[in-house]
Amino acid sequence: MPEEITLTPLEQSRADTGFRFYSIKNAVYNGIETALNAKHGFPKGGAKAQTIRDLQPLEDAQQNAAGTAVLLAYRNSRLSDDDFTDLFNSKNPNVEELVKADWLALWPTDEL
């Protein structure tokens, strides 16, 4: 009989949704945005394509209810586990990975 694998709540949220959910303090969001856009070669060339990015600029990103952090849902398949570790360092107190329900609880009530 195969051994049953128990997932952590974060791993289960990733498996169920296909996304990783983050709350990223505004002060560090620009660095993550720049790194991800550069990794994927965004913005693509041309005047019209300047709006095509991996992550939106801070002023266009979804803020939490308090306006102190960006709420980001990022597809699992876009990065390797090592890339997630490098870019969304789990030891960084300014970046918190959440399960979907906790992430949704941070949204402004008028946005849901």
C-alpha atoms as a PDB file:
ATOM      1  CA  MET A   1       0.000   0.000   0.000  1.00  0.00           C
ATOM      2  CA  PRO A   2       1.490   3.390  -0.969  1.00  0.00           C
ATOM      3  CA  GLU A   3       2.402   5.784   1.780  1.00  0.00           C
ATOM      4  CA  GLU A   4      -0.086   8.637   2.143  1.00  0.00           C
ATOM      5  CA  ILE A   5       1.452  12.058   1.642  1.00  0.00           C
ATOM      6  CA  THR A   6       0.262  14.840   3.922  1.00  0.00           C
ATOM      7  CA  LEU A   7       0.454  18.340   2.475  1.00  0.00           C
ATOM      8  CA  THR A   8       0.915  21.488   4.504  1.00  0.00           C
ATOM      9  CA  PRO A   9      -1.922  24.037   4.231  1.00  0.00           C
ATOM     10  CA  LEU A  10       0.200  26.114   1.788  1.00  0.00           C
ATOM     11  CA  GLU A  11       1.000  23.076  -0.354  1.00  0.00           C
ATOM     12  CA  GLN A  12      -2.669  22.079  -0.358  1.00  0.00           C
ATOM     13  CA  SER A  13      -3.710  25.596  -1.410  1.00  0.00           C
ATOM     14  CA  ARG A  14      -1.168  25.492  -4.260  1.00  0.00           C
ATOM     15  CA  ALA A  15      -2.393  22.060  -5.372  1.00  0.00           C
ATOM     16  CA  ASP A  16      -6.074  23.023  -5.208  1.00  0.00           C
ATOM     17  CA  THR A  17      -5.783  26.366  -7.007  1.00  0.00           C
ATOM     18  CA  GLY A  18      -2.663  26.247  -9.200  1.00  0.00           C
ATOM     19  CA  PHE A  19      -1.552  29.554  -7.654  1.00  0.00           C
ATOM     20  CA  ARG A  20       0.615  30.839  -4.844  1.00  0.00           C
ATOM     21  CA  PHE A  21      -0.930  33.701  -2.906  1.00  0.00           C
ATOM     22  CA  TYR A  22       1.195  36.475  -1.428  1.00  0.00           C
ATOM     23  CA  SER A  23       0.915  39.607   0.628  1.00  0.00           C
ATOM     24  CA  ILE A  24       3.930  41.752  -0.287  1.00  0.00           C
ATOM     25  CA  LYS A  25       4.735  44.967   1.589  1.00  0.00           C
ATOM     26  CA  ASN A  26       4.711  47.963  -0.720  1.00  0.00           C
ATOM     27  CA  ALA A  27       8.340  48.782   0.153  1.00  0.00           C
ATOM     28  CA  VAL A  28       9.665  45.576  -1.458  1.00  0.00           C
ATOM     29  CA  TYR A  29       7.096  45.038  -4.212  1.00  0.00           C
ATOM     30  CA  ASN A  30       8.979  47.157  -6.781  1.00  0.00           C
ATOM     31  CA  GLY A  31      12.069  44.950  -6.446  1.00  0.00           C
ATOM     32  CA  ILE A  32      10.041  41.781  -7.028  1.00  0.00           C
ATOM     33  CA  GLU A  33       8.172  43.399  -9.913  1.00  0.00           C
ATOM     34  CA  THR A  34      11.441  44.450 -11.577  1.00  0.00           C
ATOM     35  CA  ALA A  35      13.031  41.015 -11.092  1.00  0.00           C
ATOM     36  CA  LEU A  36      10.040  39.093 -12.495  1.00  0.00           C
ATOM     37  CA  ASN A  37       9.553  41.416 -15.449  1.00  0.00           C
ATOM     38  CA  ALA A  38      13.270  41.107 -16.285  1.00  0.00           C
ATOM     39  CA  LYS A  39      13.209  37.299 -15.879  1.00  0.00           C
ATOM     40  CA  HIS A  40      10.393  36.974 -18.405  1.00  0.00           C
ATOM     41  CA  GLY A  41      11.603  39.756 -20.721  1.00  0.00           C
ATOM     42  CA  PHE A  42       8.829  42.271 -20.019  1.00  0.00           C
ATOM     43  CA  PRO A  43       7.846  44.828 -21.044  1.00  0.00           C
ATOM     44  CA  LYS A  44       8.080  43.635 -24.613  1.00  0.00           C
ATOM     45  CA  GLY A  45       9.251  46.146 -27.223  1.00  0.00           C
ATOM     46  CA  GLY A  46       7.158  48.789 -28.900  1.00  0.00           C
ATOM     47  CA  ALA A  47       5.103  51.673 -27.581  1.00  0.00           C
ATOM     48  CA  LYS A  48       1.818  49.721 -27.414  1.00  0.00           C
ATOM     49  CA  ALA A  49       3.437  46.724 -25.741  1.00  0.00           C
ATOM     50  CA  GLN A  50       4.854  48.703 -22.817  1.00  0.00           C
ATOM     51  CA  THR A  51       1.767  47.782 -20.830  1.00  0.00           C
ATOM     52  CA  ILE A  52       2.380  44.022 -21.226  1.00  0.00           C
ATOM     53  CA  ARG A  53       4.200  42.973 -18.069  1.00  0.00           C
ATOM     54  CA  ASP A  54       4.543  40.021 -15.756  1.00  0.00           C
ATOM     55  CA  LEU A  55       3.619  42.155 -12.725  1.00  0.00           C
ATOM     56  CA  GLN A  56       1.929  45.531 -12.730  1.00  0.00           C
ATOM     57  CA  PRO A  57       3.615  48.638 -11.310  1.00  0.00           C
ATOM     58  CA  LEU A  58       2.857  49.299  -7.638  1.00  0.00           C
ATOM     59  CA  GLU A  59       0.344  52.047  -8.420  1.00  0.00           C
ATOM     60  CA  ASP A  60      -1.715  49.578 -10.518  1.00  0.00           C
ATOM     61  CA  ALA A  61      -1.346  46.513  -8.274  1.00  0.00           C
ATOM     62  CA  GLN A  62      -4.135  45.228  -6.029  1.00  0.00           C
ATOM     63  CA  GLN A  63      -3.667  46.577  -2.503  1.00  0.00           C
ATOM     64  CA  ASN A  64      -4.879  45.023   0.744  1.00  0.00           C
ATOM     65  CA  ALA A  65      -7.660  46.757   2.696  1.00  0.00           C
ATOM     66  CA  ALA A  66      -5.126  48.824   4.669  1.00  0.00           C
ATOM     67  CA  GLY A  67      -3.233  49.894   1.531  1.00  0.00           C
ATOM     68  CA  THR A  68       0.078  48.680   2.978  1.00  0.00           C
ATOM     69  CA  ALA A  69       0.691  45.579   0.859  1.00  0.00           C
ATOM     70  CA  VAL A  70       0.085  44.162  -2.602  1.00  0.00           C
ATOM     71  CA  LEU A  71      -2.081  41.070  -2.886  1.00  0.00           C
ATOM     72  CA  LEU A  72      -0.602  38.837  -5.554  1.00  0.00           C
ATOM     73  CA  ALA A  73      -1.794  35.515  -6.954  1.00  0.00           C
ATOM     74  CA  TYR A  74       0.989  33.983  -9.058  1.00  0.00           C
ATOM     75  CA  ARG A  75       0.532  30.850 -11.179  1.00  0.00           C
ATOM     76  CA  ASN A  76       2.618  27.894  -9.971  1.00  0.00           C
ATOM     77  CA  SER A  77       3.698  26.982 -13.500  1.00  0.00           C
ATOM     78  CA  ARG A  78       5.323  30.376 -14.199  1.00  0.00           C
ATOM     79  CA  LEU A  79       8.382  29.676 -12.009  1.00  0.00           C
ATOM     80  CA  SER A  80      10.353  26.772 -10.623  1.00  0.00           C
ATOM     81  CA  ASP A  81      10.360  26.119  -6.873  1.00  0.00           C
ATOM     82  CA  ASP A  82      13.901  27.551  -6.756  1.00  0.00           C
ATOM     83  CA  ASP A  83      12.743  30.720  -8.519  1.00  0.00           C
ATOM     84  CA  PHE A  84       9.893  31.120  -6.032  1.00  0.00           C
ATOM     85  CA  THR A  85      12.382  30.687  -3.190  1.00  0.00           C
ATOM     86  CA  ASP A  86      14.762  33.265  -4.699  1.00  0.00           C
ATOM     87  CA  LEU A  87      12.147  35.867  -5.629  1.00  0.00           C
ATOM     88  CA  PHE A  88       9.634  35.410  -2.818  1.00  0.00           C
ATOM     89  CA  ASN A  89      12.087  34.587  -0.041  1.00  0.00           C
ATOM     90  CA  SER A  90      10.104  32.847   2.685  1.00  0.00           C
ATOM     91  CA  LYS A  91      12.439  34.291   5.328  1.00  0.00           C
ATOM     92  CA  ASN A  92      11.704  37.859   4.198  1.00  0.00           C
ATOM     93  CA  PRO A  93       9.280  39.409   6.721  1.00  0.00           C
ATOM     94  CA  ASN A  94       7.958  41.712   3.972  1.00  0.00           C
ATOM     95  CA  VAL A  95       6.686  38.808   1.848  1.00  0.00           C
ATOM     96  CA  GLU A  96       4.127  36.378   3.229  1.00  0.00           C
ATOM     97  CA  GLU A  97       2.717  33.399   1.388  1.00  0.00           C
ATOM     98  CA  LEU A  98      -0.876  32.672   2.355  1.00  0.00           C
ATOM     99  CA  VAL A  99      -3.532  30.073   1.687  1.00  0.00           C
ATOM    100  CA  LYS A 100      -6.250  31.395  -0.616  1.00  0.00           C
ATOM    101  CA  ALA A 101      -8.846  31.918   2.148  1.00  0.00           C
ATOM    102  CA  ASP A 102      -6.436  34.037   4.241  1.00  0.00           C
ATOM    103  CA  TRP A 103      -5.407  35.991   1.132  1.00  0.00           C
ATOM    104  CA  LEU A 104      -9.033  36.727   0.241  1.00  0.00           C
ATOM    105  CA  ALA A 105      -9.665  37.941   3.796  1.00  0.00           C
ATOM    106  CA  LEU A 106      -7.150  40.776   3.204  1.00  0.00           C
ATOM    107  CA  TRP A 107      -8.998  42.188   0.188  1.00  0.00           C
ATOM    108  CA  PRO A 108     -10.935  45.422   0.522  1.00  0.00           C
ATOM    109  CA  THR A 109     -14.593  44.448   0.959  1.00  0.00           C
ATOM    110  CA  ASP A 110     -15.675  46.635  -1.971  1.00  0.00           C
ATOM    111  CA  GLU A 111     -13.344  44.684  -4.317  1.00  0.00           C
ATOM    112  CA  LEU A 112     -14.880  41.241  -3.767  1.00  0.00           C
END
